[in-house]
Amino acid sequence: MHQFPIFPEKLLNELRAVGGRLRHLRNEYERLRIRPQVHFAELQALLNQLRELQANCSDALLPQFASLLEQVARALEGLGQNLRADYGEALYHAFTQSGKTLSGHYPLYFSGFFALEVNAEQGKAVLWFGNKQEKLATFAEIVPENLVRKVTEEEQKLGSQLPPEALFPKVVQAYERVLAYSRKAYGDPVPICSVLLELNLLLQSPRFLKDPQPQHFRPYRRADFAYDLYRLNRYGAQELFPQRLRLLVARREQTKSREKILWVPEDASGRGSTYADLCIEEGGVA
């Protein structure tokens, strides 16, 4: 158990130079230290505020004040270690109970296509597609059961929601548009992110195309395109269409420009590769 020291009233009275602000912070500290596990982030912020007041301490009082803050800092450090360990176990339990896998350790966990970056001290989490490839969402809470629900919701929103047999012709059409303005021949590779831009327009509703207002626009993110390419490669449409979709791995120098490359998963475990170009060839989807 990590003991949080009591803020001595005598010290408070002697630190008259900082007046009411210190008394207010002391009152907040006494309230928060009763349940430090719940108020961990608030205690950290309050400790930083108290440290700012050290400059107003007299030479006689500075050692006592500094010693008090050091005790609080040590208690917070120990509590933080316990919270992270306990949180990891609770998160693993919540994911497995919902039928999802979870691996990794604090602060970065992995579940299927996703990476979950947790900051227990701040009570926040960031959800990524792939191993920190594409940021999908930032959550202002880290309750394990709620995170499972939010991850499930994000998973259900991924991609165009079109079945492969409806999606593939649109990818072909987007590819052909890039070929047209690039003056390339059918079968030539084109930048994968250029295809994404054209596909973005092709997936918009007639309402947006008629009146392109922001409220009519349906977002189609890099992660959505990557997931759709994964679906086409996994489930394919080779029995329905004569074309073959081929992705070309990015060269080392190309990986320095994120706007020119796209990470695409290879399987549901989160493994994948980074691609720079895409082409459509005759012969069925690979």
C-alpha atoms as a PDB file:
ATOM      1  CA  MET A   1       0.000   0.000   0.000  1.00  0.00           C
ATOM      2  CA  HIS A   2       1.409   3.381  -0.997  1.00  0.00           C
ATOM      3  CA  GLN A   3       0.966   5.900   1.808  1.00  0.00           C
ATOM      4  CA  PHE A   4       0.228   9.472   0.814  1.00  0.00           C
ATOM      5  CA  PRO A   5       1.457  11.861   3.560  1.00  0.00           C
ATOM      6  CA  ILE A   6      -0.791  14.325   5.335  1.00  0.00           C
ATOM      7  CA  PHE A   7      -0.159  17.978   4.479  1.00  0.00           C
ATOM      8  CA  PRO A   8       0.846  19.539   7.851  1.00  0.00           C
ATOM      9  CA  GLU A   9      -1.344  22.455   8.934  1.00  0.00           C
ATOM     10  CA  LYS A  10       1.683  24.043  10.605  1.00  0.00           C
ATOM     11  CA  LEU A  11       3.569  24.106   7.304  1.00  0.00           C
ATOM     12  CA  LEU A  12       0.538  25.558   5.573  1.00  0.00           C
ATOM     13  CA  ASN A  13       0.297  28.377   8.097  1.00  0.00           C
ATOM     14  CA  GLU A  14       3.981  29.210   7.819  1.00  0.00           C
ATOM     15  CA  LEU A  15       3.911  29.385   4.040  1.00  0.00           C
ATOM     16  CA  ARG A  16       2.033  32.679   4.093  1.00  0.00           C
ATOM     17  CA  ALA A  17       3.830  33.972   1.010  1.00  0.00           C
ATOM     18  CA  VAL A  18       1.743  31.809  -1.283  1.00  0.00           C
ATOM     19  CA  GLY A  19      -1.463  32.499   0.589  1.00  0.00           C
ATOM     20  CA  GLY A  20      -4.818  31.159  -0.517  1.00  0.00           C
ATOM     21  CA  ARG A  21      -3.591  29.221  -3.532  1.00  0.00           C
ATOM     22  CA  LEU A  22      -1.600  26.814  -1.380  1.00  0.00           C
ATOM     23  CA  ARG A  23      -4.518  26.334   0.999  1.00  0.00           C
ATOM     24  CA  HIS A  24      -6.778  25.531  -1.945  1.00  0.00           C
ATOM     25  CA  LEU A  25      -4.273  23.004  -3.322  1.00  0.00           C
ATOM     26  CA  ARG A  26      -3.876  21.460   0.120  1.00  0.00           C
ATOM     27  CA  ASN A  27      -7.637  20.994   0.405  1.00  0.00           C
ATOM     28  CA  GLU A  28      -7.712  19.362  -3.035  1.00  0.00           C
ATOM     29  CA  TYR A  29      -4.836  17.093  -2.075  1.00  0.00           C
ATOM     30  CA  GLU A  30      -6.558  15.931   1.114  1.00  0.00           C
ATOM     31  CA  ARG A  31      -9.702  15.142  -0.863  1.00  0.00           C
ATOM     32  CA  LEU A  32      -7.872  13.202  -3.583  1.00  0.00           C
ATOM     33  CA  ARG A  33      -5.487  11.213  -1.396  1.00  0.00           C
ATOM     34  CA  ILE A  34      -8.387   9.342   0.231  1.00  0.00           C
ATOM     35  CA  ARG A  35      -8.938   7.416  -3.028  1.00  0.00           C
ATOM     36  CA  PRO A  36      -5.642   7.741  -4.916  1.00  0.00           C
ATOM     37  CA  GLN A  37      -6.405   4.905  -7.355  1.00  0.00           C
ATOM     38  CA  VAL A  38      -9.401   6.820  -8.669  1.00  0.00           C
ATOM     39  CA  HIS A  39      -7.737  10.237  -8.661  1.00  0.00           C
ATOM     40  CA  PHE A  40      -4.275   9.249  -9.870  1.00  0.00           C
ATOM     41  CA  ALA A  41      -4.135  11.699 -12.804  1.00  0.00           C
ATOM     42  CA  GLU A  42      -5.503  14.548 -10.673  1.00  0.00           C
ATOM     43  CA  LEU A  43      -2.913  13.891  -7.977  1.00  0.00           C
ATOM     44  CA  GLN A  44      -0.146  14.031 -10.548  1.00  0.00           C
ATOM     45  CA  ALA A  45      -1.386  17.364 -11.860  1.00  0.00           C
ATOM     46  CA  LEU A  46      -1.734  18.726  -8.339  1.00  0.00           C
ATOM     47  CA  LEU A  47       1.818  17.643  -7.455  1.00  0.00           C
ATOM     48  CA  ASN A  48       3.104  19.650 -10.411  1.00  0.00           C
ATOM     49  CA  GLN A  49       1.208  22.709  -9.190  1.00  0.00           C
ATOM     50  CA  LEU A  50       2.618  22.317  -5.698  1.00  0.00           C
ATOM     51  CA  ARG A  51       6.131  22.095  -7.110  1.00  0.00           C
ATOM     52  CA  GLU A  52       5.614  25.444  -8.801  1.00  0.00           C
ATOM     53  CA  LEU A  53       5.145  27.002  -5.354  1.00  0.00           C
ATOM     54  CA  GLN A  54       8.504  25.822  -4.056  1.00  0.00           C
ATOM     55  CA  ALA A  55      10.164  28.955  -5.365  1.00  0.00           C
ATOM     56  CA  ASN A  56       8.109  30.999  -2.866  1.00  0.00           C
ATOM     57  CA  CYS A  57       9.337  29.038   0.144  1.00  0.00           C
ATOM     58  CA  SER A  58      11.822  30.568   2.527  1.00  0.00           C
ATOM     59  CA  ASP A  59      15.177  28.858   2.946  1.00  0.00           C
ATOM     60  CA  ALA A  60      14.056  27.639   6.372  1.00  0.00           C
ATOM     61  CA  LEU A  61      10.860  25.986   5.079  1.00  0.00           C
ATOM     62  CA  LEU A  62      12.081  24.735   1.716  1.00  0.00           C
ATOM     63  CA  PRO A  63      13.572  21.418   3.001  1.00  0.00           C
ATOM     64  CA  GLN A  64      10.346  20.480   4.806  1.00  0.00           C
ATOM     65  CA  PHE A  65       8.167  21.413   1.843  1.00  0.00           C
ATOM     66  CA  ALA A  66      10.452  19.613  -0.619  1.00  0.00           C
ATOM     67  CA  SER A  67      10.498  16.502   1.579  1.00  0.00           C
ATOM     68  CA  LEU A  68       6.700  16.434   1.643  1.00  0.00           C
ATOM     69  CA  LEU A  69       6.477  16.669  -2.142  1.00  0.00           C
ATOM     70  CA  GLU A  70       9.090  13.957  -2.535  1.00  0.00           C
ATOM     71  CA  GLN A  71       6.994  11.618  -0.371  1.00  0.00           C
ATOM     72  CA  VAL A  72       3.971  12.323  -2.556  1.00  0.00           C
ATOM     73  CA  ALA A  73       6.022  11.688  -5.713  1.00  0.00           C
ATOM     74  CA  ARG A  74       7.274   8.324  -4.403  1.00  0.00           C
ATOM     75  CA  ALA A  75       3.758   7.266  -3.449  1.00  0.00           C
ATOM     76  CA  LEU A  76       2.516   8.223  -6.925  1.00  0.00           C
ATOM     77  CA  GLU A  77       5.301   6.303  -8.630  1.00  0.00           C
ATOM     78  CA  GLY A  78       4.535   3.128  -6.691  1.00  0.00           C
ATOM     79  CA  LEU A  79       0.822   3.517  -7.226  1.00  0.00           C
ATOM     80  CA  GLY A  80       1.368   4.042 -10.951  1.00  0.00           C
ATOM     81  CA  GLN A  81       3.295   0.772 -11.247  1.00  0.00           C
ATOM     82  CA  ASN A  82       0.511  -1.112  -9.493  1.00  0.00           C
ATOM     83  CA  LEU A  83      -2.185   0.549 -11.574  1.00  0.00           C
ATOM     84  CA  ARG A  84      -0.462  -0.367 -14.837  1.00  0.00           C
ATOM     85  CA  ALA A  85      -0.057  -4.009 -13.808  1.00  0.00           C
ATOM     86  CA  ASP A  86      -3.646  -4.296 -12.557  1.00  0.00           C
ATOM     87  CA  TYR A  87      -4.960  -2.495 -15.621  1.00  0.00           C
ATOM     88  CA  GLY A  88      -3.228  -4.874 -18.033  1.00  0.00           C
ATOM     89  CA  GLU A  89      -4.875  -7.856 -16.361  1.00  0.00           C
ATOM     90  CA  ALA A  90      -8.299  -6.205 -16.410  1.00  0.00           C
ATOM     91  CA  LEU A  91      -7.938  -5.245 -20.074  1.00  0.00           C
ATOM     92  CA  TYR A  92      -6.876  -8.768 -21.065  1.00  0.00           C
ATOM     93  CA  HIS A  93      -9.860 -10.219 -19.193  1.00  0.00           C
ATOM     94  CA  ALA A  94     -12.308  -7.807 -20.854  1.00  0.00           C
ATOM     95  CA  PHE A  95     -11.040  -8.580 -24.367  1.00  0.00           C
ATOM     96  CA  THR A  96     -10.956 -12.357 -23.932  1.00  0.00           C
ATOM     97  CA  GLN A  97     -14.422 -12.331 -22.355  1.00  0.00           C
ATOM     98  CA  SER A  98     -15.730 -10.657 -25.515  1.00  0.00           C
ATOM     99  CA  GLY A  99     -14.064 -13.251 -27.740  1.00  0.00           C
ATOM    100  CA  LYS A 100     -11.207 -11.011 -28.852  1.00  0.00           C
ATOM    101  CA  THR A 101      -7.499 -11.649 -28.600  1.00  0.00           C
ATOM    102  CA  LEU A 102      -5.126  -9.329 -26.773  1.00  0.00           C
ATOM    103  CA  SER A 103      -1.341  -9.330 -26.640  1.00  0.00           C
ATOM    104  CA  GLY A 104       1.397  -6.874 -25.786  1.00  0.00           C
ATOM    105  CA  HIS A 105       1.979  -5.031 -22.550  1.00  0.00           C
ATOM    106  CA  TYR A 106       1.515  -1.567 -21.138  1.00  0.00           C
ATOM    107  CA  PRO A 107       1.318   0.908 -22.777  1.00  0.00           C
ATOM    108  CA  LEU A 108       0.809  -0.795 -26.179  1.00  0.00           C
ATOM    109  CA  TYR A 109      -1.601  -3.685 -26.718  1.00  0.00           C
ATOM    110  CA  PHE A 110      -2.591  -5.530 -29.890  1.00  0.00           C
ATOM    111  CA  SER A 111      -5.917  -7.048 -30.910  1.00  0.00           C
ATOM    112  CA  GLY A 112      -6.433  -8.242 -34.466  1.00  0.00           C
ATOM    113  CA  PHE A 113      -5.910  -5.351 -36.882  1.00  0.00           C
ATOM    114  CA  PHE A 114      -5.633  -2.874 -34.044  1.00  0.00           C
ATOM    115  CA  ALA A 115      -3.096  -1.445 -31.641  1.00  0.00           C
ATOM    116  CA  LEU A 116      -4.329   0.184 -28.448  1.00  0.00           C
ATOM    117  CA  GLU A 117      -2.022   2.728 -26.834  1.00  0.00           C
ATOM    118  CA  VAL A 118      -3.034   3.366 -23.226  1.00  0.00           C
ATOM    119  CA  ASN A 119      -2.025   6.185 -20.903  1.00  0.00           C
ATOM    120  CA  ALA A 120      -3.324   5.091 -17.508  1.00  0.00           C
ATOM    121  CA  GLU A 121      -1.982   8.183 -15.764  1.00  0.00           C
ATOM    122  CA  GLN A 122      -3.959  10.528 -18.042  1.00  0.00           C
ATOM    123  CA  GLY A 123      -6.924   8.179 -18.409  1.00  0.00           C
ATOM    124  CA  LYS A 124      -6.730   8.226 -22.220  1.00  0.00           C
ATOM    125  CA  ALA A 125      -6.233   5.702 -25.024  1.00  0.00           C
ATOM    126  CA  VAL A 126      -5.458   5.897 -28.740  1.00  0.00           C
ATOM    127  CA  LEU A 127      -6.708   3.266 -31.183  1.00  0.00           C
ATOM    128  CA  TRP A 128      -4.536   2.547 -34.222  1.00  0.00           C
ATOM    129  CA  PHE A 129      -5.078   0.487 -37.355  1.00  0.00           C
ATOM    130  CA  GLY A 130      -2.019  -1.732 -37.543  1.00  0.00           C
ATOM    131  CA  ASN A 131       0.999  -1.239 -35.314  1.00  0.00           C
ATOM    132  CA  LYS A 132       0.577   2.533 -35.000  1.00  0.00           C
ATOM    133  CA  GLN A 133       0.058   2.856 -38.756  1.00  0.00           C
ATOM    134  CA  GLU A 134      -3.176   4.851 -38.928  1.00  0.00           C
ATOM    135  CA  LYS A 135      -4.773   6.636 -35.985  1.00  0.00           C
ATOM    136  CA  LEU A 136      -8.475   5.819 -35.807  1.00  0.00           C
ATOM    137  CA  ALA A 137      -9.704   7.354 -32.573  1.00  0.00           C
ATOM    138  CA  THR A 138      -8.744   8.849 -29.228  1.00  0.00           C
ATOM    139  CA  PHE A 139     -10.756   7.829 -26.184  1.00  0.00           C
ATOM    140  CA  ALA A 140     -11.093   9.979 -23.075  1.00  0.00           C
ATOM    141  CA  GLU A 141     -11.539   6.945 -20.835  1.00  0.00           C
ATOM    142  CA  ILE A 142      -9.802   3.616 -20.347  1.00  0.00           C
ATOM    143  CA  VAL A 143     -12.389   1.467 -18.572  1.00  0.00           C
ATOM    144  CA  PRO A 144     -11.588  -1.975 -20.084  1.00  0.00           C
ATOM    145  CA  GLU A 145     -15.180  -2.992 -20.853  1.00  0.00           C
ATOM    146  CA  ASN A 146     -15.850   0.356 -22.521  1.00  0.00           C
ATOM    147  CA  LEU A 147     -12.674   0.107 -24.586  1.00  0.00           C
ATOM    148  CA  VAL A 148     -13.740  -3.307 -25.876  1.00  0.00           C
ATOM    149  CA  ARG A 149     -17.059  -1.813 -26.953  1.00  0.00           C
ATOM    150  CA  LYS A 150     -15.354   1.151 -28.658  1.00  0.00           C
ATOM    151  CA  VAL A 151     -12.867  -1.097 -30.475  1.00  0.00           C
ATOM    152  CA  THR A 152     -15.760  -3.248 -31.697  1.00  0.00           C
ATOM    153  CA  GLU A 153     -17.577  -0.148 -32.954  1.00  0.00           C
ATOM    154  CA  GLU A 154     -14.495   1.052 -34.837  1.00  0.00           C
ATOM    155  CA  GLU A 155     -13.997  -2.405 -36.329  1.00  0.00           C
ATOM    156  CA  GLN A 156     -17.552  -2.421 -37.635  1.00  0.00           C
ATOM    157  CA  LYS A 157     -17.015   0.974 -39.311  1.00  0.00           C
ATOM    158  CA  LEU A 158     -13.857  -0.060 -41.181  1.00  0.00           C
ATOM    159  CA  GLY A 159     -13.890  -0.071 -44.955  1.00  0.00           C
ATOM    160  CA  SER A 160     -16.485   0.840 -47.539  1.00  0.00           C
ATOM    161  CA  GLN A 161     -19.007  -1.728 -46.248  1.00  0.00           C
ATOM    162  CA  LEU A 162     -19.391  -2.924 -49.851  1.00  0.00           C
ATOM    163  CA  PRO A 163     -19.159  -6.650 -50.628  1.00  0.00           C
ATOM    164  CA  PRO A 164     -16.071  -7.587 -52.682  1.00  0.00           C
ATOM    165  CA  GLU A 165     -18.104  -8.082 -55.864  1.00  0.00           C
ATOM    166  CA  ALA A 166     -19.374  -4.472 -55.620  1.00  0.00           C
ATOM    167  CA  LEU A 167     -16.125  -2.987 -54.336  1.00  0.00           C
ATOM    168  CA  PHE A 168     -13.723  -4.403 -56.923  1.00  0.00           C
ATOM    169  CA  PRO A 169     -15.273  -2.673 -59.968  1.00  0.00           C
ATOM    170  CA  LYS A 170     -14.962   0.652 -58.165  1.00  0.00           C
ATOM    171  CA  VAL A 171     -11.288   0.011 -57.426  1.00  0.00           C
ATOM    172  CA  VAL A 172     -10.810  -0.815 -61.113  1.00  0.00           C
ATOM    173  CA  GLN A 173     -12.600   2.385 -62.084  1.00  0.00           C
ATOM    174  CA  ALA A 174     -10.446   4.439 -59.701  1.00  0.00           C
ATOM    175  CA  TYR A 175      -7.329   2.811 -61.161  1.00  0.00           C
ATOM    176  CA  GLU A 176      -8.470   3.633 -64.697  1.00  0.00           C
ATOM    177  CA  ARG A 177      -9.002   7.272 -63.737  1.00  0.00           C
ATOM    178  CA  VAL A 178      -5.429   7.516 -62.462  1.00  0.00           C
ATOM    179  CA  LEU A 179      -4.199   5.842 -65.655  1.00  0.00           C
ATOM    180  CA  ALA A 180      -6.059   8.422 -67.741  1.00  0.00           C
ATOM    181  CA  TYR A 181      -4.480  11.508 -66.230  1.00  0.00           C
ATOM    182  CA  SER A 182      -1.097   9.779 -65.825  1.00  0.00           C
ATOM    183  CA  ARG A 183      -1.119   8.736 -69.517  1.00  0.00           C
ATOM    184  CA  LYS A 184      -0.151   5.186 -68.641  1.00  0.00           C
ATOM    185  CA  ALA A 185      -1.172   1.896 -70.196  1.00  0.00           C
ATOM    186  CA  TYR A 186      -3.538  -0.610 -68.651  1.00  0.00           C
ATOM    187  CA  GLY A 187      -1.549  -2.885 -66.337  1.00  0.00           C
ATOM    188  CA  ASP A 188       1.011  -0.212 -65.428  1.00  0.00           C
ATOM    189  CA  PRO A 189       1.492   0.498 -61.709  1.00  0.00           C
ATOM    190  CA  VAL A 190       0.159   3.770 -60.334  1.00  0.00           C
ATOM    191  CA  PRO A 191       0.563   5.381 -56.880  1.00  0.00           C
ATOM    192  CA  ILE A 192      -1.656   3.558 -54.420  1.00  0.00           C
ATOM    193  CA  CYS A 193      -2.676   6.790 -52.678  1.00  0.00           C
ATOM    194  CA  SER A 194      -3.779   8.301 -55.995  1.00  0.00           C
ATOM    195  CA  VAL A 195      -6.190   5.386 -56.362  1.00  0.00           C
ATOM    196  CA  LEU A 196      -7.418   6.107 -52.827  1.00  0.00           C
ATOM    197  CA  LEU A 197      -8.278   9.706 -53.780  1.00  0.00           C
ATOM    198  CA  GLU A 198     -10.252   8.632 -56.844  1.00  0.00           C
ATOM    199  CA  LEU A 199     -12.009   5.860 -54.942  1.00  0.00           C
ATOM    200  CA  ASN A 200     -12.984   8.395 -52.296  1.00  0.00           C
ATOM    201  CA  LEU A 201     -15.015  10.272 -54.897  1.00  0.00           C
ATOM    202  CA  LEU A 202     -16.502   7.132 -56.424  1.00  0.00           C
ATOM    203  CA  LEU A 203     -17.816   6.038 -53.021  1.00  0.00           C
ATOM    204  CA  GLN A 204     -19.634   9.295 -52.321  1.00  0.00           C
ATOM    205  CA  SER A 205     -23.414   9.427 -52.422  1.00  0.00           C
ATOM    206  CA  PRO A 206     -25.311  11.073 -55.292  1.00  0.00           C
ATOM    207  CA  ARG A 207     -26.304  13.755 -52.818  1.00  0.00           C
ATOM    208  CA  PHE A 208     -22.678  14.772 -52.298  1.00  0.00           C
ATOM    209  CA  LEU A 209     -21.912  14.698 -56.017  1.00  0.00           C
ATOM    210  CA  LYS A 210     -24.927  16.911 -56.662  1.00  0.00           C
ATOM    211  CA  ASP A 211     -24.224  19.282 -53.761  1.00  0.00           C
ATOM    212  CA  PRO A 212     -20.708  18.775 -52.320  1.00  0.00           C
ATOM    213  CA  GLN A 213     -21.362  20.178 -48.877  1.00  0.00           C
ATOM    214  CA  PRO A 214     -19.257  18.930 -45.912  1.00  0.00           C
ATOM    215  CA  GLN A 215     -22.343  17.453 -44.240  1.00  0.00           C
ATOM    216  CA  HIS A 216     -22.954  15.277 -47.319  1.00  0.00           C
ATOM    217  CA  PHE A 217     -19.406  13.908 -47.416  1.00  0.00           C
ATOM    218  CA  ARG A 218     -18.784  10.359 -46.274  1.00  0.00           C
ATOM    219  CA  PRO A 219     -15.213   9.953 -44.945  1.00  0.00           C
ATOM    220  CA  TYR A 220     -13.154   7.195 -46.508  1.00  0.00           C
ATOM    221  CA  ARG A 221      -9.882   7.051 -44.636  1.00  0.00           C
ATOM    222  CA  ARG A 222      -6.527   5.510 -45.438  1.00  0.00           C
ATOM    223  CA  ALA A 223      -7.354   2.753 -42.961  1.00  0.00           C
ATOM    224  CA  ASP A 224     -10.650   2.100 -44.766  1.00  0.00           C
ATOM    225  CA  PHE A 225      -8.867   1.632 -48.094  1.00  0.00           C
ATOM    226  CA  ALA A 226      -6.210  -0.580 -46.501  1.00  0.00           C
ATOM    227  CA  TYR A 227      -8.898  -2.769 -44.953  1.00  0.00           C
ATOM    228  CA  ASP A 228     -10.806  -2.961 -48.244  1.00  0.00           C
ATOM    229  CA  LEU A 229      -7.635  -4.031 -50.077  1.00  0.00           C
ATOM    230  CA  TYR A 230      -7.124  -6.696 -47.430  1.00  0.00           C
ATOM    231  CA  ARG A 231     -10.670  -7.940 -48.013  1.00  0.00           C
ATOM    232  CA  LEU A 232     -10.170  -8.068 -51.783  1.00  0.00           C
ATOM    233  CA  ASN A 233      -6.933  -9.975 -51.418  1.00  0.00           C
ATOM    234  CA  ARG A 234      -8.392 -12.339 -48.849  1.00  0.00           C
ATOM    235  CA  TYR A 235     -11.846 -12.983 -50.224  1.00  0.00           C
ATOM    236  CA  GLY A 236     -11.245 -11.797 -53.782  1.00  0.00           C
ATOM    237  CA  ALA A 237     -13.514 -11.700 -56.759  1.00  0.00           C
ATOM    238  CA  GLN A 238     -11.457 -13.925 -59.047  1.00  0.00           C
ATOM    239  CA  GLU A 239     -14.479 -16.009 -59.968  1.00  0.00           C
ATOM    240  CA  LEU A 240     -16.457 -12.937 -61.008  1.00  0.00           C
ATOM    241  CA  PHE A 241     -13.951 -10.693 -62.805  1.00  0.00           C
ATOM    242  CA  PRO A 242     -11.152 -11.292 -65.283  1.00  0.00           C
ATOM    243  CA  GLN A 243      -8.790  -8.733 -63.712  1.00  0.00           C
ATOM    244  CA  ARG A 244      -6.113  -9.309 -61.113  1.00  0.00           C
ATOM    245  CA  LEU A 245      -5.287  -6.798 -58.374  1.00  0.00           C
ATOM    246  CA  ARG A 246      -1.593  -6.502 -57.556  1.00  0.00           C
ATOM    247  CA  LEU A 247       0.072  -4.405 -54.847  1.00  0.00           C
ATOM    248  CA  LEU A 248       3.712  -3.386 -55.148  1.00  0.00           C
ATOM    249  CA  VAL A 249       5.824  -3.187 -52.000  1.00  0.00           C
ATOM    250  CA  ALA A 250       7.323   0.217 -51.243  1.00  0.00           C
ATOM    251  CA  ARG A 251      11.046   0.676 -51.660  1.00  0.00           C
ATOM    252  CA  ARG A 252      13.062   1.903 -48.699  1.00  0.00           C
ATOM    253  CA  GLU A 253      13.287   5.484 -49.989  1.00  0.00           C
ATOM    254  CA  GLN A 254       9.534   5.596 -50.594  1.00  0.00           C
ATOM    255  CA  THR A 255       8.739   4.761 -46.963  1.00  0.00           C
ATOM    256  CA  LYS A 256      10.053   8.174 -45.914  1.00  0.00           C
ATOM    257  CA  SER A 257       6.956   9.872 -47.395  1.00  0.00           C
ATOM    258  CA  ARG A 258       3.812   8.714 -45.647  1.00  0.00           C
ATOM    259  CA  GLU A 259       1.559  10.370 -48.225  1.00  0.00           C
ATOM    260  CA  LYS A 260       2.972   8.028 -50.889  1.00  0.00           C
ATOM    261  CA  ILE A 261       2.595   4.695 -49.106  1.00  0.00           C
ATOM    262  CA  LEU A 262      -0.073   2.608 -47.426  1.00  0.00           C
ATOM    263  CA  TRP A 263       0.191  -0.222 -44.925  1.00  0.00           C
ATOM    264  CA  VAL A 264      -2.151  -3.127 -45.757  1.00  0.00           C
ATOM    265  CA  PRO A 265      -2.733  -6.099 -43.431  1.00  0.00           C
ATOM    266  CA  GLU A 266      -1.981  -9.590 -44.646  1.00  0.00           C
ATOM    267  CA  ASP A 267      -4.086 -11.421 -42.086  1.00  0.00           C
ATOM    268  CA  ALA A 268      -6.311 -10.772 -39.081  1.00  0.00           C
ATOM    269  CA  SER A 269      -3.394 -11.077 -36.647  1.00  0.00           C
ATOM    270  CA  GLY A 270      -2.064  -7.640 -37.600  1.00  0.00           C
ATOM    271  CA  ARG A 271       0.807  -8.660 -39.865  1.00  0.00           C
ATOM    272  CA  GLY A 272       1.106  -6.590 -43.010  1.00  0.00           C
ATOM    273  CA  SER A 273       3.304  -4.825 -45.563  1.00  0.00           C
ATOM    274  CA  THR A 274       3.752  -1.296 -46.832  1.00  0.00           C
ATOM    275  CA  TYR A 275       2.890  -0.629 -50.471  1.00  0.00           C
ATOM    276  CA  ALA A 276       3.546   2.286 -52.806  1.00  0.00           C
ATOM    277  CA  ASP A 277       1.864   1.249 -56.064  1.00  0.00           C
ATOM    278  CA  LEU A 278      -1.131  -0.671 -57.343  1.00  0.00           C
ATOM    279  CA  CYS A 279      -1.961  -2.154 -60.708  1.00  0.00           C
ATOM    280  CA  ILE A 280      -4.790  -4.089 -62.307  1.00  0.00           C
ATOM    281  CA  GLU A 281      -3.857  -6.884 -64.709  1.00  0.00           C
ATOM    282  CA  GLU A 282      -5.824  -9.393 -66.701  1.00  0.00           C
ATOM    283  CA  GLY A 283      -6.130 -12.787 -65.047  1.00  0.00           C
ATOM    284  CA  GLY A 284      -8.231 -12.686 -61.858  1.00  0.00           C
ATOM    285  CA  VAL A 285      -7.724 -11.125 -58.429  1.00  0.00           C
ATOM    286  CA  ALA A 286      -4.633 -12.388 -56.543  1.00  0.00           C
END
